[in-house]
Amino acid sequence: MPGDLIRIILVDDHAVVRTGLKAVLGKERDLDVVGEAANGAEGVALAERLKPDVIVMDLSMGTMDGLEATKLVVAKKLPSRVLIMTMHAEEEYVVPLMEAGAAGYVLKTAPDRDVVDAVRAVARGDLYVRPEAARALAKGYQRKDPLREDRARFDKLTARERDVLRLVAQGYSAPEIGDKLNISPKTVDTYKQRIEDKLGLGHRHDYVQFALRLGLLQE
């Protein structure tokens, strides 16, 4: 959303957490916190009224938790995308959230920069999942049989393209992938373009879903 103001509401049952998040996000010129709520039910009602771009939502809350609230946001077809913040990175928490329609998942222990990056990513339409959460997702999906057509398309990629696809899906940035593969970020972008041309992938959300279907994230 280049040049656009990203409107955000914060949903957390701890006022001090909301205050801290508002301070972090308020430092960014393209981010605007337009409302706050203390539980999931209030958050959904506020989202219906304000229609923010992003809902930054705690998982564990009274009255209605983040999982149920996310399901409601999706069921009501609200335009807002949900970014979950929680202390938990375990499979039992991550998988249900992503299946419910959450657009991202960030730990409360994450650096402020990761939170800002996550908000911008989900506002763009991407799926934000860092490597630790991607591993948990992989465990949750490892019993699913890969689709034959997807596997055939994956097998047509070069070894380096497969490496880049897997690392993108795991949540690494182009510079991070470059460091891991000893290539430049520009070269990483070139490989990503080839992958997108061959597989028809667009946003990082597509990379994650493709990798999940084939069980690639645990490799």
N, C-alpha and C. Protein backbone atom coordinates (compact mmCIF):
# COMPACT_ATOMS: atom_id res chain seq x y z
N MET A 1 0.83 -1.19 0.00
CA MET A 1 0.00 0.00 0.00
C MET A 1 0.87 1.25 0.00
N PRO A 2 1.76 1.41 -0.98
CA PRO A 2 2.68 2.53 -1.01
C PRO A 2 1.93 3.85 -0.97
N GLY A 3 2.38 4.73 -0.05
CA GLY A 3 1.79 6.07 0.01
C GLY A 3 0.47 6.13 0.74
N ASP A 4 -0.10 5.00 1.13
CA ASP A 4 -1.39 4.97 1.81
C ASP A 4 -1.18 4.89 3.32
N LEU A 5 -2.15 5.42 4.07
CA LEU A 5 -2.14 5.33 5.51
C LEU A 5 -2.82 4.02 5.91
N ILE A 6 -2.14 3.20 6.69
CA ILE A 6 -2.68 1.93 7.14
C ILE A 6 -3.41 2.15 8.45
N ARG A 7 -4.72 1.92 8.44
CA ARG A 7 -5.55 2.14 9.63
C ARG A 7 -5.62 0.84 10.44
N ILE A 8 -5.40 0.96 11.74
CA ILE A 8 -5.24 -0.20 12.61
C ILE A 8 -6.12 -0.06 13.84
N ILE A 9 -6.68 -1.19 14.30
CA ILE A 9 -7.26 -1.21 15.64
C ILE A 9 -6.52 -2.25 16.46
N LEU A 10 -6.41 -2.00 17.75
CA LEU A 10 -5.70 -2.89 18.67
C LEU A 10 -6.72 -3.58 19.56
N VAL A 11 -6.61 -4.91 19.67
CA VAL A 11 -7.54 -5.68 20.50
C VAL A 11 -6.73 -6.51 21.48
N ASP A 12 -6.75 -6.10 22.75
CA ASP A 12 -5.99 -6.79 23.79
C ASP A 12 -6.64 -6.46 25.14
N ASP A 13 -6.71 -7.45 26.02
CA ASP A 13 -7.37 -7.20 27.30
C ASP A 13 -6.47 -6.52 28.33
N HIS A 14 -5.24 -6.20 27.95
CA HIS A 14 -4.34 -5.48 28.84
C HIS A 14 -4.08 -4.08 28.27
N ALA A 15 -4.53 -3.06 29.00
CA ALA A 15 -4.39 -1.69 28.53
C ALA A 15 -2.92 -1.31 28.33
N VAL A 16 -2.04 -1.84 29.19
CA VAL A 16 -0.63 -1.50 29.07
C VAL A 16 -0.03 -2.03 27.78
N VAL A 17 -0.52 -3.19 27.34
CA VAL A 17 -0.04 -3.76 26.07
C VAL A 17 -0.52 -2.89 24.91
N ARG A 18 -1.77 -2.48 24.95
CA ARG A 18 -2.29 -1.61 23.89
C ARG A 18 -1.52 -0.30 23.84
N THR A 19 -1.21 0.25 25.01
CA THR A 19 -0.46 1.50 25.07
C THR A 19 0.92 1.34 24.44
N GLY A 20 1.58 0.21 24.77
CA GLY A 20 2.90 -0.04 24.20
C GLY A 20 2.86 -0.21 22.70
N LEU A 21 1.87 -0.96 22.21
CA LEU A 21 1.74 -1.15 20.77
C LEU A 21 1.45 0.17 20.06
N LYS A 22 0.58 0.96 20.67
CA LYS A 22 0.23 2.24 20.06
C LYS A 22 1.45 3.14 19.95
N ALA A 23 2.32 3.09 20.95
CA ALA A 23 3.54 3.89 20.93
C ALA A 23 4.48 3.42 19.82
N VAL A 24 4.62 2.10 19.68
CA VAL A 24 5.50 1.54 18.65
C VAL A 24 4.98 1.87 17.25
N LEU A 25 3.70 1.62 17.01
CA LEU A 25 3.13 1.84 15.69
C LEU A 25 3.00 3.33 15.37
N GLY A 26 2.78 4.13 16.41
CA GLY A 26 2.60 5.56 16.20
C GLY A 26 3.84 6.29 15.72
N LYS A 27 4.99 5.64 15.86
CA LYS A 27 6.24 6.25 15.38
C LYS A 27 6.36 6.21 13.86
N GLU A 28 5.55 5.36 13.23
CA GLU A 28 5.63 5.17 11.79
C GLU A 28 4.63 6.07 11.08
N ARG A 29 5.10 6.81 10.08
CA ARG A 29 4.26 7.81 9.42
C ARG A 29 3.11 7.21 8.61
N ASP A 30 3.27 5.94 8.22
CA ASP A 30 2.23 5.32 7.40
C ASP A 30 1.25 4.47 8.21
N LEU A 31 1.41 4.45 9.54
CA LEU A 31 0.54 3.64 10.39
C LEU A 31 -0.29 4.54 11.31
N ASP A 32 -1.58 4.24 11.43
CA ASP A 32 -2.48 5.06 12.24
C ASP A 32 -3.39 4.16 13.07
N VAL A 33 -3.22 4.18 14.39
CA VAL A 33 -4.10 3.42 15.29
C VAL A 33 -5.38 4.21 15.48
N VAL A 34 -6.49 3.69 14.98
CA VAL A 34 -7.76 4.44 14.99
C VAL A 34 -8.74 3.96 16.05
N GLY A 35 -8.40 2.87 16.77
CA GLY A 35 -9.31 2.39 17.80
C GLY A 35 -8.71 1.28 18.63
N GLU A 36 -9.30 1.04 19.81
CA GLU A 36 -8.84 0.00 20.72
C GLU A 36 -10.04 -0.74 21.30
N ALA A 37 -9.83 -2.02 21.61
CA ALA A 37 -10.87 -2.83 22.24
C ALA A 37 -10.22 -3.78 23.23
N ALA A 38 -10.99 -4.19 24.26
CA ALA A 38 -10.44 -4.99 25.35
C ALA A 38 -10.73 -6.48 25.22
N ASN A 39 -11.52 -6.89 24.23
CA ASN A 39 -11.76 -8.33 24.01
C ASN A 39 -12.22 -8.55 22.57
N GLY A 40 -12.33 -9.83 22.20
CA GLY A 40 -12.66 -10.14 20.82
C GLY A 40 -14.01 -9.63 20.36
N ALA A 41 -15.00 -9.71 21.23
CA ALA A 41 -16.34 -9.26 20.86
C ALA A 41 -16.34 -7.75 20.58
N GLU A 42 -15.69 -7.00 21.47
CA GLU A 42 -15.59 -5.56 21.25
C GLU A 42 -14.79 -5.25 20.00
N GLY A 43 -13.76 -6.06 19.76
CA GLY A 43 -12.91 -5.85 18.59
C GLY A 43 -13.66 -6.04 17.29
N VAL A 44 -14.48 -7.09 17.22
CA VAL A 44 -15.26 -7.34 16.00
C VAL A 44 -16.26 -6.21 15.78
N ALA A 45 -16.93 -5.78 16.85
CA ALA A 45 -17.90 -4.68 16.74
C ALA A 45 -17.22 -3.41 16.27
N LEU A 46 -16.02 -3.15 16.81
CA LEU A 46 -15.28 -1.95 16.42
C LEU A 46 -14.83 -2.05 14.96
N ALA A 47 -14.42 -3.25 14.55
CA ALA A 47 -14.00 -3.45 13.16
C ALA A 47 -15.16 -3.26 12.20
N GLU A 48 -16.34 -3.68 12.60
CA GLU A 48 -17.52 -3.48 11.76
C GLU A 48 -17.80 -1.99 11.57
N ARG A 49 -17.55 -1.22 12.62
CA ARG A 49 -17.86 0.21 12.55
C ARG A 49 -16.77 0.99 11.83
N LEU A 50 -15.49 0.69 12.12
CA LEU A 50 -14.39 1.50 11.59
C LEU A 50 -13.78 0.93 10.30
N LYS A 51 -13.96 -0.37 10.09
CA LYS A 51 -13.41 -1.05 8.91
C LYS A 51 -11.92 -0.71 8.71
N PRO A 52 -11.09 -1.06 9.70
CA PRO A 52 -9.65 -0.79 9.59
C PRO A 52 -9.00 -1.72 8.57
N ASP A 53 -7.80 -1.40 8.18
CA ASP A 53 -7.05 -2.27 7.27
C ASP A 53 -6.53 -3.49 8.02
N VAL A 54 -6.08 -3.27 9.25
CA VAL A 54 -5.47 -4.35 10.03
C VAL A 54 -6.03 -4.35 11.46
N ILE A 55 -6.31 -5.55 11.97
CA ILE A 55 -6.68 -5.73 13.37
C ILE A 55 -5.53 -6.46 14.04
N VAL A 56 -4.83 -5.78 14.96
CA VAL A 56 -3.77 -6.43 15.73
C VAL A 56 -4.44 -6.99 16.98
N MET A 57 -4.50 -8.32 17.07
CA MET A 57 -5.35 -8.96 18.07
C MET A 57 -4.60 -9.96 18.93
N ASP A 58 -4.82 -9.86 20.24
CA ASP A 58 -4.28 -10.83 21.18
C ASP A 58 -5.03 -12.15 21.02
N LEU A 59 -4.35 -13.25 21.31
CA LEU A 59 -5.00 -14.56 21.21
C LEU A 59 -5.82 -14.87 22.46
N SER A 60 -5.22 -14.69 23.62
CA SER A 60 -5.87 -15.09 24.88
C SER A 60 -6.56 -13.90 25.54
N MET A 61 -7.89 -13.88 25.47
CA MET A 61 -8.68 -12.80 26.07
C MET A 61 -9.97 -13.37 26.63
N GLY A 62 -10.55 -12.67 27.61
CA GLY A 62 -11.84 -13.08 28.14
C GLY A 62 -12.96 -12.65 27.21
N THR A 63 -14.15 -13.11 27.48
CA THR A 63 -15.37 -12.82 26.71
C THR A 63 -15.33 -13.46 25.33
N MET A 64 -14.33 -13.13 24.54
CA MET A 64 -14.12 -13.79 23.24
C MET A 64 -12.65 -13.72 22.91
N ASP A 65 -12.02 -14.87 22.65
CA ASP A 65 -10.58 -14.86 22.37
C ASP A 65 -10.29 -14.52 20.91
N GLY A 66 -9.01 -14.45 20.60
CA GLY A 66 -8.59 -14.04 19.25
C GLY A 66 -8.99 -15.01 18.17
N LEU A 67 -9.03 -16.30 18.49
CA LEU A 67 -9.41 -17.30 17.49
C LEU A 67 -10.87 -17.12 17.08
N GLU A 68 -11.76 -17.03 18.06
CA GLU A 68 -13.18 -16.87 17.75
C GLU A 68 -13.45 -15.54 17.06
N ALA A 69 -12.74 -14.50 17.50
CA ALA A 69 -12.92 -13.19 16.88
C ALA A 69 -12.46 -13.20 15.42
N THR A 70 -11.36 -13.90 15.16
CA THR A 70 -10.86 -14.02 13.78
C THR A 70 -11.89 -14.72 12.90
N LYS A 71 -12.47 -15.79 13.42
CA LYS A 71 -13.50 -16.52 12.66
C LYS A 71 -14.68 -15.60 12.33
N LEU A 72 -15.05 -14.74 13.28
CA LEU A 72 -16.16 -13.82 13.07
C LEU A 72 -15.83 -12.78 12.02
N VAL A 73 -14.61 -12.25 12.08
CA VAL A 73 -14.17 -11.25 11.09
C VAL A 73 -14.28 -11.83 9.69
N VAL A 74 -13.84 -13.08 9.54
CA VAL A 74 -13.89 -13.75 8.24
C VAL A 74 -15.34 -14.04 7.84
N ALA A 75 -16.13 -14.54 8.79
CA ALA A 75 -17.52 -14.89 8.50
C ALA A 75 -18.34 -13.67 8.08
N LYS A 76 -18.03 -12.54 8.69
CA LYS A 76 -18.76 -11.30 8.37
C LYS A 76 -18.22 -10.61 7.11
N LYS A 77 -17.16 -11.21 6.54
CA LYS A 77 -16.54 -10.70 5.31
C LYS A 77 -16.09 -9.24 5.46
N LEU A 78 -15.53 -8.95 6.62
CA LEU A 78 -14.99 -7.61 6.84
C LEU A 78 -13.72 -7.45 6.02
N PRO A 79 -13.42 -6.23 5.58
CA PRO A 79 -12.23 -6.01 4.76
C PRO A 79 -10.94 -6.05 5.56
N SER A 80 -11.04 -6.05 6.88
CA SER A 80 -9.86 -6.02 7.75
C SER A 80 -9.12 -7.36 7.74
N ARG A 81 -7.79 -7.29 7.85
CA ARG A 81 -6.96 -8.48 7.96
C ARG A 81 -6.45 -8.58 9.40
N VAL A 82 -6.46 -9.80 9.92
CA VAL A 82 -6.13 -10.00 11.34
C VAL A 82 -4.69 -10.44 11.52
N LEU A 83 -3.97 -9.70 12.35
CA LEU A 83 -2.62 -10.07 12.76
C LEU A 83 -2.68 -10.46 14.24
N ILE A 84 -2.39 -11.72 14.52
CA ILE A 84 -2.46 -12.23 15.89
C ILE A 84 -1.13 -11.99 16.61
N MET A 85 -1.23 -11.51 17.85
CA MET A 85 -0.05 -11.39 18.71
C MET A 85 -0.27 -12.27 19.93
N THR A 86 0.73 -13.08 20.27
CA THR A 86 0.58 -14.00 21.39
C THR A 86 1.94 -14.42 21.91
N MET A 87 1.94 -15.07 23.04
CA MET A 87 3.18 -15.60 23.61
C MET A 87 3.47 -17.01 23.09
N HIS A 88 2.54 -17.61 22.37
CA HIS A 88 2.64 -19.02 22.00
C HIS A 88 3.03 -19.21 20.52
N ALA A 89 4.01 -20.07 20.28
CA ALA A 89 4.40 -20.40 18.91
C ALA A 89 4.16 -21.87 18.59
N GLU A 90 3.51 -22.58 19.52
CA GLU A 90 3.32 -24.01 19.34
C GLU A 90 2.29 -24.31 18.25
N GLU A 91 2.43 -25.49 17.66
CA GLU A 91 1.55 -25.94 16.58
C GLU A 91 0.08 -25.86 16.97
N GLU A 92 -0.23 -26.20 18.22
CA GLU A 92 -1.63 -26.25 18.65
C GLU A 92 -2.29 -24.87 18.60
N TYR A 93 -1.49 -23.82 18.63
CA TYR A 93 -2.02 -22.46 18.55
C TYR A 93 -1.97 -21.93 17.12
N VAL A 94 -0.86 -22.16 16.45
CA VAL A 94 -0.64 -21.55 15.13
C VAL A 94 -1.59 -22.09 14.07
N VAL A 95 -1.69 -23.40 13.96
CA VAL A 95 -2.48 -24.02 12.89
C VAL A 95 -3.94 -23.59 12.91
N PRO A 96 -4.63 -23.68 14.06
CA PRO A 96 -6.05 -23.25 14.07
C PRO A 96 -6.22 -21.79 13.68
N LEU A 97 -5.28 -20.93 14.08
CA LEU A 97 -5.39 -19.51 13.74
C LEU A 97 -5.30 -19.28 12.24
N MET A 98 -4.33 -19.93 11.60
CA MET A 98 -4.16 -19.73 10.17
C MET A 98 -5.31 -20.36 9.40
N GLU A 99 -5.82 -21.49 9.88
CA GLU A 99 -6.96 -22.11 9.23
C GLU A 99 -8.23 -21.27 9.41
N ALA A 100 -8.28 -20.52 10.51
CA ALA A 100 -9.45 -19.67 10.77
C ALA A 100 -9.45 -18.43 9.90
N GLY A 101 -8.30 -18.10 9.30
CA GLY A 101 -8.24 -16.96 8.40
C GLY A 101 -7.36 -15.82 8.85
N ALA A 102 -6.56 -16.03 9.91
CA ALA A 102 -5.63 -14.99 10.33
C ALA A 102 -4.62 -14.74 9.21
N ALA A 103 -4.25 -13.48 9.03
CA ALA A 103 -3.32 -13.12 7.95
C ALA A 103 -1.88 -13.09 8.42
N GLY A 104 -1.68 -13.22 9.72
CA GLY A 104 -0.32 -13.19 10.23
C GLY A 104 -0.27 -13.57 11.68
N TYR A 105 0.94 -13.82 12.14
CA TYR A 105 1.16 -14.34 13.47
C TYR A 105 2.51 -13.83 13.94
N VAL A 106 2.53 -13.06 15.04
CA VAL A 106 3.79 -12.53 15.55
C VAL A 106 3.81 -12.70 17.07
N LEU A 107 4.95 -13.08 17.59
CA LEU A 107 5.09 -13.29 19.03
C LEU A 107 5.20 -11.96 19.76
N LYS A 108 4.68 -11.92 20.97
CA LYS A 108 4.76 -10.70 21.77
C LYS A 108 6.20 -10.39 22.17
N THR A 109 7.06 -11.39 22.09
CA THR A 109 8.47 -11.19 22.41
C THR A 109 9.27 -10.69 21.21
N ALA A 110 8.62 -10.54 20.06
CA ALA A 110 9.33 -10.12 18.85
C ALA A 110 9.78 -8.66 18.97
N PRO A 111 10.87 -8.29 18.28
CA PRO A 111 11.32 -6.90 18.28
C PRO A 111 10.25 -5.98 17.69
N ASP A 112 10.29 -4.71 18.09
CA ASP A 112 9.32 -3.74 17.58
C ASP A 112 9.31 -3.71 16.06
N ARG A 113 10.48 -3.83 15.43
CA ARG A 113 10.57 -3.76 13.97
C ARG A 113 9.79 -4.90 13.32
N ASP A 114 9.80 -6.08 13.93
CA ASP A 114 9.05 -7.21 13.38
C ASP A 114 7.55 -6.94 13.42
N VAL A 115 7.09 -6.31 14.49
CA VAL A 115 5.67 -5.99 14.61
C VAL A 115 5.26 -5.01 13.51
N VAL A 116 6.08 -3.98 13.30
CA VAL A 116 5.80 -2.99 12.25
C VAL A 116 5.81 -3.66 10.88
N ASP A 117 6.81 -4.51 10.64
CA ASP A 117 6.89 -5.22 9.35
C ASP A 117 5.68 -6.12 9.15
N ALA A 118 5.24 -6.76 10.23
CA ALA A 118 4.08 -7.67 10.14
C ALA A 118 2.82 -6.91 9.77
N VAL A 119 2.61 -5.74 10.38
CA VAL A 119 1.42 -4.93 10.07
C VAL A 119 1.44 -4.52 8.61
N ARG A 120 2.57 -4.07 8.13
CA ARG A 120 2.67 -3.64 6.73
C ARG A 120 2.47 -4.81 5.79
N ALA A 121 3.01 -5.97 6.15
CA ALA A 121 2.89 -7.15 5.28
C ALA A 121 1.44 -7.58 5.12
N VAL A 122 0.71 -7.70 6.23
CA VAL A 122 -0.67 -8.15 6.11
C VAL A 122 -1.54 -7.09 5.45
N ALA A 123 -1.19 -5.80 5.64
CA ALA A 123 -1.94 -4.73 4.97
C ALA A 123 -1.77 -4.82 3.46
N ARG A 124 -0.59 -5.28 3.01
CA ARG A 124 -0.33 -5.45 1.56
C ARG A 124 -1.08 -6.64 0.98
N GLY A 125 -1.58 -7.50 1.85
CA GLY A 125 -2.23 -8.71 1.37
C GLY A 125 -1.37 -9.94 1.52
N ASP A 126 -0.17 -9.78 2.11
CA ASP A 126 0.71 -10.92 2.32
C ASP A 126 0.32 -11.67 3.58
N LEU A 127 0.85 -12.88 3.70
CA LEU A 127 0.72 -13.66 4.92
C LEU A 127 2.03 -13.51 5.68
N TYR A 128 1.95 -13.10 6.94
CA TYR A 128 3.17 -12.89 7.72
C TYR A 128 3.35 -14.04 8.69
N VAL A 129 4.37 -14.85 8.43
CA VAL A 129 4.71 -15.96 9.31
C VAL A 129 6.23 -16.04 9.39
N ARG A 130 6.77 -15.86 10.56
CA ARG A 130 8.21 -15.97 10.74
C ARG A 130 8.62 -17.44 10.82
N PRO A 131 9.92 -17.73 10.67
CA PRO A 131 10.37 -19.13 10.60
C PRO A 131 9.91 -20.02 11.74
N GLU A 132 9.91 -19.50 12.99
CA GLU A 132 9.51 -20.36 14.11
C GLU A 132 8.06 -20.79 14.00
N ALA A 133 7.20 -19.90 13.51
CA ALA A 133 5.79 -20.26 13.33
C ALA A 133 5.61 -21.14 12.11
N ALA A 134 6.43 -20.94 11.09
CA ALA A 134 6.35 -21.77 9.89
C ALA A 134 6.65 -23.23 10.23
N ARG A 135 7.59 -23.44 11.13
CA ARG A 135 7.91 -24.81 11.53
C ARG A 135 6.72 -25.46 12.25
N ALA A 136 6.05 -24.67 13.07
CA ALA A 136 4.87 -25.19 13.76
C ALA A 136 3.76 -25.51 12.76
N LEU A 137 3.59 -24.64 11.77
CA LEU A 137 2.59 -24.89 10.73
C LEU A 137 2.91 -26.17 9.97
N ALA A 138 4.20 -26.37 9.70
CA ALA A 138 4.62 -27.55 8.95
C ALA A 138 4.23 -28.83 9.69
N LYS A 139 4.42 -28.84 11.00
CA LYS A 139 4.06 -30.01 11.79
C LYS A 139 2.56 -30.28 11.70
N GLY A 140 1.79 -29.21 11.69
CA GLY A 140 0.34 -29.36 11.65
C GLY A 140 -0.16 -29.87 10.31
N TYR A 141 0.61 -29.64 9.26
CA TYR A 141 0.16 -30.03 7.92
C TYR A 141 0.87 -31.26 7.38
N GLN A 142 1.80 -31.81 8.15
CA GLN A 142 2.65 -32.85 7.59
C GLN A 142 1.88 -34.14 7.26
N ARG A 143 0.67 -34.31 7.82
CA ARG A 143 -0.11 -35.51 7.50
C ARG A 143 -0.90 -35.37 6.20
N LYS A 144 -0.98 -34.15 5.69
CA LYS A 144 -1.76 -33.94 4.48
C LYS A 144 -0.99 -34.43 3.26
N ASP A 145 -1.67 -35.11 2.36
CA ASP A 145 -1.01 -35.62 1.16
C ASP A 145 -0.78 -34.49 0.17
N PRO A 146 0.44 -34.35 -0.34
CA PRO A 146 0.71 -33.33 -1.34
C PRO A 146 -0.11 -33.58 -2.60
N LEU A 147 -0.51 -32.52 -3.23
CA LEU A 147 -1.26 -32.64 -4.47
C LEU A 147 -0.30 -33.03 -5.60
N ARG A 148 -0.72 -34.00 -6.38
CA ARG A 148 0.16 -34.52 -7.42
C ARG A 148 0.58 -33.44 -8.42
N GLU A 149 -0.38 -32.60 -8.81
CA GLU A 149 -0.06 -31.56 -9.79
C GLU A 149 0.94 -30.55 -9.23
N ASP A 150 0.76 -30.17 -7.97
CA ASP A 150 1.69 -29.24 -7.35
C ASP A 150 3.08 -29.84 -7.24
N ARG A 151 3.17 -31.11 -6.89
CA ARG A 151 4.47 -31.77 -6.79
C ARG A 151 5.15 -31.81 -8.15
N ALA A 152 4.38 -32.07 -9.20
CA ALA A 152 4.96 -32.11 -10.54
C ALA A 152 5.51 -30.74 -10.93
N ARG A 153 4.78 -29.68 -10.58
CA ARG A 153 5.24 -28.32 -10.89
C ARG A 153 6.49 -27.99 -10.08
N PHE A 154 6.50 -28.41 -8.80
CA PHE A 154 7.66 -28.16 -7.95
C PHE A 154 8.90 -28.88 -8.48
N ASP A 155 8.71 -30.09 -8.96
CA ASP A 155 9.83 -30.89 -9.46
C ASP A 155 10.48 -30.26 -10.69
N LYS A 156 9.77 -29.37 -11.37
CA LYS A 156 10.33 -28.72 -12.56
C LYS A 156 11.21 -27.53 -12.21
N LEU A 157 11.19 -27.11 -10.94
CA LEU A 157 12.05 -26.02 -10.51
C LEU A 157 13.49 -26.50 -10.39
N THR A 158 14.43 -25.58 -10.56
CA THR A 158 15.83 -25.93 -10.33
C THR A 158 16.06 -26.06 -8.82
N ALA A 159 17.17 -26.65 -8.45
CA ALA A 159 17.48 -26.83 -7.03
C ALA A 159 17.53 -25.49 -6.30
N ARG A 160 18.13 -24.49 -6.93
CA ARG A 160 18.22 -23.18 -6.29
C ARG A 160 16.85 -22.52 -6.17
N GLU A 161 16.02 -22.68 -7.18
CA GLU A 161 14.65 -22.13 -7.11
C GLU A 161 13.86 -22.79 -5.99
N ARG A 162 14.07 -24.07 -5.79
CA ARG A 162 13.39 -24.76 -4.69
C ARG A 162 13.85 -24.21 -3.35
N ASP A 163 15.15 -23.97 -3.23
CA ASP A 163 15.69 -23.42 -1.98
C ASP A 163 15.08 -22.05 -1.69
N VAL A 164 15.00 -21.22 -2.71
CA VAL A 164 14.46 -19.87 -2.53
C VAL A 164 12.98 -19.94 -2.17
N LEU A 165 12.24 -20.78 -2.85
CA LEU A 165 10.80 -20.94 -2.56
C LEU A 165 10.60 -21.34 -1.09
N ARG A 166 11.36 -22.32 -0.64
CA ARG A 166 11.22 -22.82 0.73
C ARG A 166 11.55 -21.74 1.75
N LEU A 167 12.62 -20.99 1.50
CA LEU A 167 13.04 -19.95 2.44
C LEU A 167 12.07 -18.77 2.47
N VAL A 168 11.52 -18.42 1.31
CA VAL A 168 10.50 -17.36 1.27
C VAL A 168 9.29 -17.79 2.10
N ALA A 169 8.87 -19.04 1.91
CA ALA A 169 7.71 -19.56 2.65
C ALA A 169 7.97 -19.63 4.15
N GLN A 170 9.22 -19.82 4.52
CA GLN A 170 9.58 -19.90 5.94
C GLN A 170 9.66 -18.52 6.59
N GLY A 171 9.56 -17.48 5.81
CA GLY A 171 9.51 -16.14 6.39
C GLY A 171 10.77 -15.33 6.28
N TYR A 172 11.77 -15.80 5.54
CA TYR A 172 13.01 -15.05 5.42
C TYR A 172 12.89 -13.96 4.34
N SER A 173 13.55 -12.83 4.59
CA SER A 173 13.57 -11.74 3.62
C SER A 173 14.61 -12.02 2.55
N ALA A 174 14.60 -11.21 1.47
CA ALA A 174 15.56 -11.41 0.39
C ALA A 174 17.01 -11.29 0.89
N PRO A 175 17.35 -10.28 1.71
CA PRO A 175 18.73 -10.21 2.22
C PRO A 175 19.09 -11.43 3.06
N GLU A 176 18.14 -11.93 3.88
CA GLU A 176 18.41 -13.10 4.71
C GLU A 176 18.62 -14.34 3.85
N ILE A 177 17.81 -14.47 2.80
CA ILE A 177 17.97 -15.61 1.89
C ILE A 177 19.31 -15.52 1.17
N GLY A 178 19.66 -14.29 0.76
CA GLY A 178 20.95 -14.09 0.11
C GLY A 178 22.11 -14.53 0.98
N ASP A 179 22.04 -14.19 2.27
CA ASP A 179 23.10 -14.59 3.20
C ASP A 179 23.18 -16.11 3.32
N LYS A 180 22.02 -16.76 3.38
CA LYS A 180 22.00 -18.21 3.55
C LYS A 180 22.53 -18.94 2.30
N LEU A 181 22.24 -18.36 1.12
CA LEU A 181 22.61 -19.04 -0.13
C LEU A 181 23.85 -18.44 -0.79
N ASN A 182 24.42 -17.43 -0.13
CA ASN A 182 25.62 -16.76 -0.66
C ASN A 182 25.38 -16.13 -2.04
N ILE A 183 24.23 -15.48 -2.17
CA ILE A 183 23.91 -14.75 -3.39
C ILE A 183 23.38 -13.38 -2.98
N SER A 184 23.28 -12.46 -3.94
CA SER A 184 22.82 -11.11 -3.63
C SER A 184 21.30 -11.07 -3.52
N PRO A 185 20.76 -10.09 -2.78
CA PRO A 185 19.30 -9.94 -2.73
C PRO A 185 18.69 -9.76 -4.12
N LYS A 186 19.41 -9.09 -5.02
CA LYS A 186 18.90 -8.90 -6.38
C LYS A 186 18.76 -10.24 -7.09
N THR A 187 19.72 -11.13 -6.87
CA THR A 187 19.65 -12.46 -7.47
C THR A 187 18.49 -13.25 -6.87
N VAL A 188 18.27 -13.07 -5.56
CA VAL A 188 17.12 -13.71 -4.92
C VAL A 188 15.83 -13.27 -5.60
N ASP A 189 15.71 -11.96 -5.87
CA ASP A 189 14.51 -11.44 -6.54
C ASP A 189 14.35 -12.05 -7.93
N THR A 190 15.48 -12.28 -8.61
CA THR A 190 15.43 -12.90 -9.93
C THR A 190 14.88 -14.33 -9.83
N TYR A 191 15.36 -15.07 -8.84
CA TYR A 191 14.85 -16.44 -8.64
C TYR A 191 13.37 -16.41 -8.28
N LYS A 192 12.96 -15.45 -7.44
CA LYS A 192 11.55 -15.35 -7.07
C LYS A 192 10.69 -15.09 -8.30
N GLN A 193 11.16 -14.26 -9.21
CA GLN A 193 10.39 -13.97 -10.42
C GLN A 193 10.25 -15.23 -11.27
N ARG A 194 11.31 -16.03 -11.35
CA ARG A 194 11.24 -17.28 -12.10
C ARG A 194 10.25 -18.25 -11.46
N ILE A 195 10.29 -18.31 -10.14
CA ILE A 195 9.36 -19.18 -9.41
C ILE A 195 7.92 -18.75 -9.66
N GLU A 196 7.69 -17.44 -9.57
CA GLU A 196 6.34 -16.92 -9.77
C GLU A 196 5.85 -17.17 -11.19
N ASP A 197 6.75 -17.07 -12.16
CA ASP A 197 6.38 -17.33 -13.55
C ASP A 197 6.03 -18.80 -13.77
N LYS A 198 6.79 -19.70 -13.13
CA LYS A 198 6.59 -21.13 -13.33
C LYS A 198 5.39 -21.67 -12.55
N LEU A 199 5.17 -21.12 -11.35
CA LEU A 199 4.14 -21.69 -10.47
C LEU A 199 2.89 -20.83 -10.36
N GLY A 200 2.95 -19.61 -10.91
CA GLY A 200 1.80 -18.73 -10.82
C GLY A 200 1.59 -18.15 -9.43
N LEU A 201 2.67 -18.05 -8.65
CA LEU A 201 2.57 -17.50 -7.31
C LEU A 201 2.68 -15.99 -7.35
N GLY A 202 2.02 -15.32 -6.41
CA GLY A 202 2.09 -13.87 -6.36
C GLY A 202 2.61 -13.40 -5.03
N HIS A 203 1.71 -13.23 -4.07
CA HIS A 203 2.10 -12.80 -2.73
C HIS A 203 2.77 -13.93 -1.95
N ARG A 204 3.43 -13.54 -0.85
CA ARG A 204 4.08 -14.54 -0.01
C ARG A 204 3.07 -15.54 0.56
N HIS A 205 1.83 -15.09 0.71
CA HIS A 205 0.75 -15.99 1.14
C HIS A 205 0.70 -17.21 0.22
N ASP A 206 0.87 -17.00 -1.09
CA ASP A 206 0.82 -18.11 -2.05
C ASP A 206 1.98 -19.07 -1.85
N TYR A 207 3.17 -18.50 -1.53
CA TYR A 207 4.34 -19.34 -1.27
C TYR A 207 4.06 -20.25 -0.07
N VAL A 208 3.52 -19.67 0.99
CA VAL A 208 3.27 -20.44 2.22
C VAL A 208 2.26 -21.55 1.96
N GLN A 209 1.16 -21.22 1.28
CA GLN A 209 0.14 -22.23 1.02
C GLN A 209 0.67 -23.34 0.13
N PHE A 210 1.46 -22.98 -0.88
CA PHE A 210 2.04 -23.98 -1.77
C PHE A 210 2.98 -24.89 -0.99
N ALA A 211 3.83 -24.30 -0.16
CA ALA A 211 4.79 -25.08 0.63
C ALA A 211 4.08 -25.98 1.63
N LEU A 212 3.01 -25.48 2.22
CA LEU A 212 2.25 -26.29 3.18
C LEU A 212 1.63 -27.52 2.51
N ARG A 213 1.08 -27.30 1.32
CA ARG A 213 0.43 -28.43 0.61
C ARG A 213 1.44 -29.54 0.31
N LEU A 214 2.68 -29.15 0.05
CA LEU A 214 3.68 -30.14 -0.32
C LEU A 214 4.53 -30.60 0.87
N GLY A 215 4.26 -30.06 2.05
CA GLY A 215 5.04 -30.46 3.22
C GLY A 215 6.48 -30.01 3.17
N LEU A 216 6.72 -28.84 2.57
CA LEU A 216 8.11 -28.38 2.37
C LEU A 216 8.69 -27.65 3.58
N LEU A 217 7.86 -27.14 4.46
CA LEU A 217 8.38 -26.28 5.51
C LEU A 217 9.15 -27.02 6.58
N GLN A 218 8.96 -28.33 6.69
CA GLN A 218 9.70 -29.08 7.69
C GLN A 218 10.98 -29.68 7.13
N GLU A 219 11.23 -29.44 5.84
CA GLU A 219 12.45 -30.04 5.22
C GLU A 219 13.66 -29.20 5.52
